[in-house]
Protein backbone atom coordinates (compact mmCIF):
# COMPACT_ATOMS: atom_id res chain seq x y z
CA MET A 1 10.74 15.36 -17.86
CA LEU A 2 12.30 11.91 -17.35
CA ARG A 3 14.78 12.59 -20.16
CA LYS A 4 15.84 15.90 -18.64
CA LEU A 5 16.20 14.38 -15.18
CA SER A 6 18.20 11.48 -16.64
CA MET A 7 20.58 13.89 -18.33
CA LEU A 8 20.94 15.86 -15.08
CA VAL A 9 21.73 12.73 -13.07
CA LEU A 10 24.22 11.40 -15.64
CA ALA A 11 25.91 14.78 -15.90
CA GLY A 12 26.25 14.89 -12.13
CA LEU A 13 27.67 11.40 -12.06
CA SER A 14 30.23 12.16 -14.75
CA THR A 15 31.60 15.10 -12.78
CA SER A 16 31.32 13.76 -9.26
CA ALA A 17 30.78 10.07 -8.52
CA PHE A 18 33.02 8.66 -11.22
CA SER A 19 35.74 11.20 -10.53
CA ASP A 20 35.72 10.38 -6.79
CA SER A 21 35.98 6.62 -7.06
CA LEU A 22 33.53 4.22 -8.58
CA SER A 23 35.16 1.25 -6.90
CA SER A 24 34.78 2.85 -3.47
CA ALA A 25 31.08 3.44 -4.10
CA LEU A 26 30.49 -0.14 -5.20
CA THR A 27 32.53 -1.92 -2.55
CA GLY A 28 31.50 0.32 0.33
CA GLY A 29 27.79 -0.29 -0.01
CA ASP A 30 25.30 -2.33 2.02
CA VAL A 31 23.67 -5.69 1.28
CA TYR A 32 20.22 -6.20 2.78
CA GLY A 33 17.38 -8.64 2.45
CA ASN A 34 14.27 -10.26 3.83
CA LEU A 35 12.74 -13.73 3.86
CA ASN A 36 8.99 -14.05 4.42
CA LEU A 37 7.58 -17.56 4.82
CA ARG A 38 3.78 -17.55 4.98
CA TYR A 39 0.82 -19.90 5.12
CA GLU A 40 -2.56 -18.56 4.02
CA SER A 41 -5.96 -20.26 3.87
CA VAL A 42 -9.27 -19.04 2.43
CA ASP A 43 -12.69 -20.54 3.15
CA GLN A 44 -15.46 -18.85 1.15
CA ASP A 45 -19.13 -19.72 0.85
CA ASN A 46 -19.08 -20.04 -2.93
CA ALA A 47 -18.68 -22.65 -5.67
CA LEU A 48 -14.88 -22.49 -5.61
CA GLN A 49 -12.75 -24.91 -3.60
CA ASP A 50 -11.20 -23.61 -0.40
CA ALA A 51 -7.71 -22.28 -0.98
CA SER A 52 -4.41 -22.73 0.83
CA ALA A 53 -0.93 -21.52 -0.03
CA PHE A 54 2.51 -21.94 1.49
CA THR A 55 4.91 -19.45 -0.08
CA LEU A 56 8.37 -18.02 0.48
CA ARG A 57 9.23 -14.49 -0.61
CA THR A 58 12.93 -13.65 -0.87
CA ARG A 59 14.04 -10.06 -1.30
CA LEU A 60 17.73 -9.22 -1.77
CA GLY A 61 19.15 -5.76 -2.38
CA TYR A 62 22.35 -3.77 -2.59
CA LYS A 63 22.79 -0.03 -2.06
CA THR A 64 26.07 1.54 -3.06
CA LYS A 65 27.94 3.98 -0.88
CA ALA A 66 26.94 7.58 -1.60
CA VAL A 67 29.55 9.62 -3.46
CA ASN A 68 28.91 13.37 -3.61
CA GLY A 69 25.27 12.63 -2.84
CA PHE A 70 24.80 9.99 -5.58
CA SER A 71 24.01 6.33 -4.93
CA PHE A 72 22.43 3.39 -6.73
CA THR A 73 20.05 0.75 -5.34
CA VAL A 74 19.17 -2.56 -6.96
CA GLU A 75 16.80 -5.07 -5.40
CA MET A 76 15.49 -8.42 -6.63
CA GLU A 77 12.37 -10.21 -5.43
CA ASP A 78 11.40 -13.87 -5.76
CA SER A 79 8.26 -15.71 -4.62
CA ARG A 80 8.01 -19.51 -4.64
CA ILE A 81 5.45 -22.13 -3.64
CA VAL A 82 6.81 -24.27 -0.79
CA LEU A 83 6.25 -28.02 -0.33
CA GLY A 84 3.80 -28.12 -3.23
CA GLN A 85 1.14 -26.29 -1.22
CA SER A 86 -0.52 -24.61 -4.22
CA ASP A 87 -4.28 -25.07 -3.84
CA PHE A 88 -5.15 -21.49 -4.83
CA SER A 89 -5.97 -19.36 -7.87
CA VAL A 90 -4.40 -16.19 -9.23
CA PRO A 91 -6.79 -15.27 -12.08
CA PRO A 92 -4.79 -12.29 -13.45
CA THR A 93 -1.86 -14.63 -14.17
CA GLY A 94 -4.03 -17.53 -15.36
CA PHE A 95 -2.90 -19.76 -12.48
CA GLN A 96 -5.64 -22.34 -11.75
CA THR A 97 -8.35 -19.79 -12.56
CA GLY A 98 -11.83 -20.85 -11.50
CA GLU A 99 -10.68 -23.81 -9.37
CA TYR A 100 -9.91 -22.31 -5.97
CA SER A 101 -10.51 -19.09 -4.09
CA VAL A 102 -7.97 -16.37 -4.81
CA ILE A 103 -4.67 -15.95 -2.97
CA ALA A 104 -2.80 -13.20 -4.80
CA ASP A 105 0.75 -14.55 -4.46
CA PRO A 106 1.95 -15.77 -7.88
CA GLU A 107 5.36 -17.31 -8.39
CA THR A 108 7.67 -14.70 -9.83
CA THR A 109 11.24 -13.44 -10.04
CA GLU A 110 11.62 -9.79 -10.93
CA LEU A 111 13.40 -6.53 -10.35
CA ASP A 112 11.70 -5.00 -7.33
CA GLN A 113 13.69 -1.76 -7.24
CA GLY A 114 16.44 -0.26 -9.34
CA PHE A 115 17.05 3.45 -9.09
CA ILE A 116 19.68 6.18 -9.06
CA GLN A 117 19.42 8.64 -6.18
CA TYR A 118 20.87 12.03 -5.43
CA LYS A 119 20.45 13.40 -1.91
CA ASN A 120 21.63 16.43 0.03
CA ASP A 121 20.37 18.12 3.19
CA ALA A 122 17.11 19.35 1.65
CA LEU A 123 16.68 17.66 -1.73
CA THR A 124 16.23 14.04 -2.83
CA LEU A 125 16.00 12.94 -6.47
CA LYS A 126 15.22 9.39 -7.58
CA LEU A 127 15.03 7.95 -11.07
CA GLY A 128 13.99 4.39 -11.86
CA ARG A 129 11.92 1.60 -10.30
CA GLN A 130 11.12 2.44 -6.68
CA VAL A 131 8.80 2.03 -3.71
CA ILE A 132 6.51 5.04 -3.22
CA THR A 133 4.12 5.52 -0.32
CA HIS A 134 2.07 8.46 0.92
CA ASP A 135 0.18 9.07 4.17
CA GLY A 136 -0.36 5.59 5.55
CA HIS A 137 -0.86 4.03 2.11
CA ARG A 138 -4.55 5.04 1.76
CA PHE A 139 -4.03 6.47 -1.71
CA VAL A 140 -0.49 5.38 -2.65
CA GLY A 141 1.23 2.34 -1.16
CA HIS A 142 3.49 -0.66 -1.82
CA VAL A 143 0.94 -3.40 -0.98
CA GLY A 144 3.69 -4.94 1.12
CA TRP A 145 1.35 -7.52 2.63
CA ARG A 146 1.43 -9.51 -0.60
CA GLN A 147 4.55 -11.48 -1.48
CA ASP A 148 5.08 -9.54 -4.73
CA ARG A 149 4.76 -5.94 -3.60
CA GLN A 150 3.84 -2.96 -5.76
CA THR A 151 6.52 -0.59 -7.06
CA PHE A 152 6.57 2.17 -9.67
CA ASP A 153 8.78 3.23 -12.57
CA GLY A 154 9.33 6.96 -12.65
CA ALA A 155 10.94 10.00 -11.08
CA THR A 156 10.67 11.42 -7.57
CA VAL A 157 11.56 14.85 -6.23
CA ILE A 158 11.46 15.43 -2.46
CA TYR A 159 12.11 18.81 -0.87
CA ALA A 160 12.38 18.84 2.94
CA PRO A 161 14.38 21.87 4.15
CA ASN A 162 13.52 21.21 7.82
CA ASP A 163 11.70 18.72 10.04
CA LYS A 164 8.35 20.51 9.62
CA PHE A 165 7.86 21.04 5.90
CA ARG A 166 7.98 18.32 3.24
CA ALA A 167 6.92 18.33 -0.42
CA GLU A 168 7.09 15.31 -2.72
CA TYR A 169 6.31 15.00 -6.42
CA ASN A 170 6.25 11.71 -8.34
CA TYR A 171 5.85 11.15 -12.05
CA LEU A 172 5.02 7.52 -12.81
CA THR A 173 5.39 5.81 -16.17
CA GLN A 174 4.52 2.28 -15.03
CA ARG A 175 2.66 0.66 -12.17
CA ASN A 176 4.30 -2.66 -11.28
CA ARG A 177 1.43 -4.41 -9.55
CA ILE A 178 1.22 -7.49 -7.33
CA PHE A 179 0.50 -10.09 -10.04
CA ALA A 180 4.06 -10.66 -11.28
CA GLN A 181 4.08 -8.88 -14.66
CA ALA A 182 0.62 -9.99 -15.77
CA GLN A 183 -1.17 -6.74 -14.94
CA ASP A 184 1.55 -4.09 -14.91
CA LEU A 185 0.16 -0.90 -16.38
CA ASP A 186 1.77 1.88 -18.40
CA ALA A 187 0.79 5.18 -16.84
CA LYS A 188 1.04 8.95 -16.91
CA ASP A 189 0.52 9.60 -13.20
CA HIS A 190 1.32 12.81 -11.34
CA LEU A 191 1.44 12.63 -7.53
CA LEU A 192 1.93 15.70 -5.35
CA ASN A 193 1.94 15.54 -1.55
CA VAL A 194 2.79 18.51 0.70
CA SER A 195 2.78 18.41 4.51
CA TYR A 196 3.53 20.69 7.42
CA LYS A 197 3.91 19.66 11.06
CA THR A 198 2.34 21.99 13.61
CA SER A 199 2.44 21.79 17.40
CA VAL A 200 -0.92 19.98 17.43
CA GLY A 201 -0.68 17.76 14.36
CA LYS A 202 0.32 17.24 10.76
CA LEU A 203 -1.52 19.06 7.98
CA THR A 204 -1.30 17.48 4.53
CA ALA A 205 -2.61 18.50 1.11
CA TYR A 206 -2.38 16.30 -1.97
CA SER A 207 -3.34 15.86 -5.59
CA TYR A 208 -3.13 12.48 -7.31
CA LEU A 209 -3.76 12.71 -11.05
CA LEU A 210 -3.88 9.21 -12.52
CA GLU A 211 -4.06 8.12 -16.13
CA VAL A 212 -3.60 4.65 -17.60
CA ASP A 213 -1.58 5.00 -20.81
CA GLU A 214 -3.69 2.70 -22.96
CA GLY A 215 -4.62 4.90 -25.93
CA THR A 216 -8.07 5.89 -24.64
CA ASP A 217 -9.21 8.95 -22.74
CA ASN A 218 -9.30 8.27 -18.99
CA ALA A 219 -8.50 10.19 -15.85
CA LEU A 220 -8.88 9.65 -12.13
CA ASP A 221 -8.10 12.94 -10.38
CA THR A 222 -8.17 13.23 -6.60
CA TYR A 223 -7.62 16.38 -4.51
CA GLY A 224 -7.70 16.28 -0.74
CA PHE A 225 -6.33 17.31 2.63
CA SER A 226 -5.95 15.74 6.07
CA PHE A 227 -5.08 16.64 9.63
CA LYS A 228 -3.69 14.09 12.06
CA GLY A 229 -2.29 14.40 15.55
CA ALA A 230 -2.27 13.40 19.19
CA THR A 231 -2.11 15.11 22.54
CA LYS A 232 0.91 14.67 24.83
CA GLY A 233 1.10 12.99 28.20
CA ASP A 234 0.65 9.52 29.67
CA THR A 235 -2.85 9.42 28.25
CA LYS A 236 -2.92 10.47 24.61
CA PHE A 237 -5.99 11.45 22.62
CA LEU A 238 -5.71 10.67 18.92
CA TYR A 239 -7.49 12.48 16.10
CA HIS A 240 -7.50 12.24 12.32
CA ALA A 241 -9.78 13.96 9.79
CA GLU A 242 -9.54 13.80 6.00
CA TYR A 243 -11.57 14.87 2.99
CA ALA A 244 -11.02 14.40 -0.75
CA LYS A 245 -12.84 15.05 -3.99
CA GLN A 246 -12.49 12.75 -7.01
CA SER A 247 -13.30 13.10 -10.69
CA ASN A 248 -13.52 9.87 -12.69
CA GLU A 249 -13.52 10.24 -16.48
CA SER A 250 -13.66 7.19 -18.72
CA GLY A 251 -15.32 6.26 -22.00
CA GLY A 252 -17.00 9.63 -22.34
CA SER A 253 -18.54 9.45 -18.85
CA ASP A 254 -17.68 11.76 -15.97
CA PHE A 255 -18.45 10.94 -12.32
CA ASP A 256 -17.72 12.94 -9.17
CA THR A 257 -17.36 11.34 -5.74
CA ASP A 258 -16.23 12.35 -2.24
CA TYR A 259 -14.09 10.76 0.44
CA LEU A 260 -14.45 11.36 4.18
CA PHE A 261 -12.43 9.89 7.03
CA LEU A 262 -12.88 10.60 10.73
CA GLU A 263 -11.03 8.75 13.49
CA GLY A 264 -10.65 9.37 17.18
CA GLY A 265 -8.92 7.37 19.83
CA VAL A 266 -7.19 7.16 23.17
CA SER A 267 -3.91 5.54 24.19
CA THR A 268 -3.19 4.81 27.84
CA SER A 269 -1.46 2.14 29.93
CA GLY A 270 -0.27 0.32 26.84
CA ILE A 271 -3.75 0.05 25.29
CA THR A 272 -4.88 2.00 22.22
CA ALA A 273 -8.56 2.14 21.25
CA LYS A 274 -9.90 3.81 18.11
CA LEU A 275 -13.30 4.54 16.61
CA GLY A 276 -13.38 5.29 12.89
CA TYR A 277 -15.81 6.31 10.17
CA GLU A 278 -14.77 6.15 6.52
CA VAL A 279 -16.91 6.99 3.50
CA LEU A 280 -15.88 6.21 -0.06
CA GLY A 281 -18.71 8.06 -1.72
CA SER A 282 -20.89 7.20 -4.71
CA ASP A 283 -22.20 9.19 -7.66
CA ASP A 284 -25.87 8.21 -7.90
CA GLY A 285 -25.18 4.59 -7.03
CA GLN A 286 -23.26 4.09 -10.28
CA VAL A 287 -19.56 4.66 -9.52
CA GLY A 288 -17.73 4.60 -6.19
CA PHE A 289 -14.64 6.48 -5.01
CA GLN A 290 -11.54 4.52 -6.10
CA THR A 291 -7.97 4.23 -4.74
CA PRO A 292 -6.18 1.98 -7.28
CA LEU A 293 -2.63 2.69 -6.02
CA ALA A 294 -3.39 2.06 -2.34
CA THR A 295 -2.28 -0.74 -0.05
CA LEU A 296 -5.91 -1.89 -0.06
CA HIS A 297 -5.45 -4.87 2.28
CA LYS A 298 -4.79 -2.41 5.10
CA PHE A 299 -8.27 -0.89 4.86
CA ASN A 300 -11.91 -2.02 5.04
CA GLY A 301 -11.20 -5.45 6.50
CA TRP A 302 -8.50 -8.03 5.89
CA THR A 303 -10.65 -10.44 3.88
CA ASP A 304 -10.28 -7.98 0.98
CA GLN A 305 -13.96 -7.80 0.08
CA PHE A 306 -13.74 -4.18 -1.07
CA LEU A 307 -10.53 -3.93 -3.08
CA GLY A 308 -12.66 -2.12 -5.63
CA THR A 309 -15.30 0.21 -4.21
CA PRO A 310 -18.82 -0.89 -5.23
CA GLY A 311 -20.87 1.44 -7.41
CA GLN A 312 -22.99 2.22 -4.35
CA GLY A 313 -19.90 3.46 -2.51
CA LEU A 314 -18.84 2.17 0.89
CA VAL A 315 -19.34 3.29 4.48
CA ASP A 316 -17.00 1.55 6.95
CA THR A 317 -17.65 2.14 10.64
CA TYR A 318 -15.13 0.37 12.84
CA VAL A 319 -13.66 0.04 16.30
CA SER A 320 -10.19 -1.32 17.08
CA VAL A 321 -8.24 -2.11 20.23
CA ALA A 322 -4.51 -2.84 20.34
CA GLY A 323 -1.91 -3.57 23.00
CA LYS A 324 1.00 -5.75 24.05
CA VAL A 325 1.18 -9.11 25.81
CA ALA A 326 3.89 -11.76 26.28
CA GLY A 327 6.44 -9.68 24.43
CA GLY A 328 4.28 -9.28 21.33
CA SER A 329 1.62 -6.92 20.01
CA TRP A 330 -2.05 -7.75 19.46
CA LEU A 331 -4.90 -6.07 17.63
CA ALA A 332 -8.66 -6.69 17.38
CA ALA A 333 -11.03 -4.79 15.10
CA TYR A 334 -14.70 -4.93 14.14
CA HIS A 335 -16.11 -3.37 10.95
CA THR A 336 -19.67 -2.79 9.77
CA PHE A 337 -20.16 -1.99 6.08
CA SER A 338 -22.99 -0.29 4.23
CA ALA A 339 -23.68 1.58 1.00
CA ASP A 340 -23.18 5.31 0.64
CA GLU A 341 -26.06 5.40 -1.86
CA SER A 342 -28.30 2.32 -1.89
CA ALA A 343 -28.98 0.89 -5.35
CA GLU A 344 -30.42 -2.35 -6.74
CA GLY A 345 -31.52 -3.46 -3.27
CA ALA A 346 -27.98 -3.34 -1.89
CA ASP A 347 -27.62 -1.34 1.31
CA ASP A 348 -26.18 -3.54 4.08
CA PHE A 349 -22.76 -4.85 3.06
CA GLY A 350 -22.12 -7.03 6.11
CA SER A 351 -19.52 -6.99 8.89
CA GLU A 352 -16.04 -8.30 9.65
CA ILE A 353 -13.87 -9.30 12.60
CA ASN A 354 -10.06 -8.96 12.43
CA LEU A 355 -7.58 -10.43 14.95
CA GLN A 356 -3.76 -10.32 14.91
CA TYR A 357 -0.77 -11.16 17.08
CA VAL A 358 2.88 -10.42 16.13
CA LYS A 359 5.86 -11.36 18.29
CA PRO A 360 9.59 -10.78 17.74
CA ILE A 361 11.58 -14.01 18.06
CA SER A 362 14.92 -12.23 17.84
CA LYS A 363 16.17 -8.80 16.83
CA LYS A 364 15.59 -9.50 13.14
CA THR A 365 13.04 -12.31 13.21
CA LYS A 366 9.35 -12.13 13.96
CA PHE A 367 6.36 -14.45 13.95
CA GLY A 368 2.80 -13.43 13.19
CA ILE A 369 -0.68 -14.91 13.02
CA LYS A 370 -3.92 -13.26 12.02
CA TYR A 371 -7.51 -14.17 11.28
CA ALA A 372 -10.36 -12.42 9.52
CA SER A 373 -14.02 -13.41 9.28
CA TYR A 374 -16.48 -11.62 6.98
CA SER A 375 -20.25 -12.05 7.35
CA ALA A 376 -22.09 -11.08 4.17
CA ASP A 377 -25.48 -9.44 3.79
CA ASP A 378 -26.95 -7.85 0.65
CA ILE A 379 -23.78 -8.52 -1.40
CA LYS A 380 -20.75 -10.84 -1.32
CA VAL A 381 -20.51 -14.21 0.48
CA ASP A 382 -19.21 -15.26 3.90
CA ALA A 383 -15.42 -15.64 4.02
CA ASP A 384 -12.80 -16.71 6.57
CA LYS A 385 -9.06 -16.22 6.12
CA LEU A 386 -6.12 -17.32 8.25
CA TRP A 387 -2.44 -16.39 7.98
CA ALA A 388 0.68 -17.48 9.84
CA TRP A 389 4.17 -16.26 8.95
CA VAL A 390 7.79 -15.95 9.93
CA SER A 391 9.86 -13.03 8.64
CA VAL A 392 13.65 -12.68 8.82
CA SER A 393 15.50 -9.48 7.87
CA PHE A 394 19.22 -8.95 7.40
């Protein structure tokens, strides 16, 4: 498929973009970028030393002017330790493994995105390395919280003939993960996401068929649907329901798990409060529902205790409140965690508090600070994490 799409794109370029004016496309484009300077500390109740990191992520890109619908985007990303503040471990890259708690921000310089795009009123085609996200990042995301974000090599087809209907298909040949190049994975992933906006909310159906291309039989197939919306008026009632079924085949074993998400909330007078219930199910306490392409930091608490769902599954019941003060936005959340199917004496997985405040300093500069505290129970250990950052976009 990639070969056919490549030939189609090149053929289109030879008859359109090059004939119109390559120099105009290159010189009429846009330069953009972002600097993200961040301090992070980790205090865990384990044998490892407490961690701290001061890092700067620089992202610089260029998008050519579109000619007959065709354009090209290239984007580089660099992450560096600042002022020698490097008391942390990144085990997947071998950086100080076993000395400090983990802060997953390795030093790296790499191609973040590089793709050819064709776009008209209803159709978008992309070929190359690109950012791909679906539905709030719960199943597919860019892990943008980390300094080296996740991108994918592959092809994308988007069909959106109007503002109500949208269908997107992605074929992925490589997952470029957050650990520089140390754990990038060859893949044969098929992602399909179709949505339709109604007068009362957005209905979405999806299938994510994942396979690591490593020479062994494996498959992680997920099929699901969701409905999300809000009422109108000064006081808005928010609602979101989602269900998915997953089949996990590996090493001759086959496990089936379920996913359930229910969230309700109200937004009034600048305050938004939500109550949520999320279940990443378990198959007999052996294997839990997995979301390996997700922006996992966004879910189940910011201390990242559940980046991989335990075999017992995970039930996350939470409440959050958000608003604005002093020109910035704040958020507070409380999570309680438990097993979907108790096994090996593990049932209560603890609780977590999350706090955040983000304030724009100027039109393109913002400052943020956030704190997360996890209290362990039957599994894990207590953990506290603190972040402070300044981000500048141009």
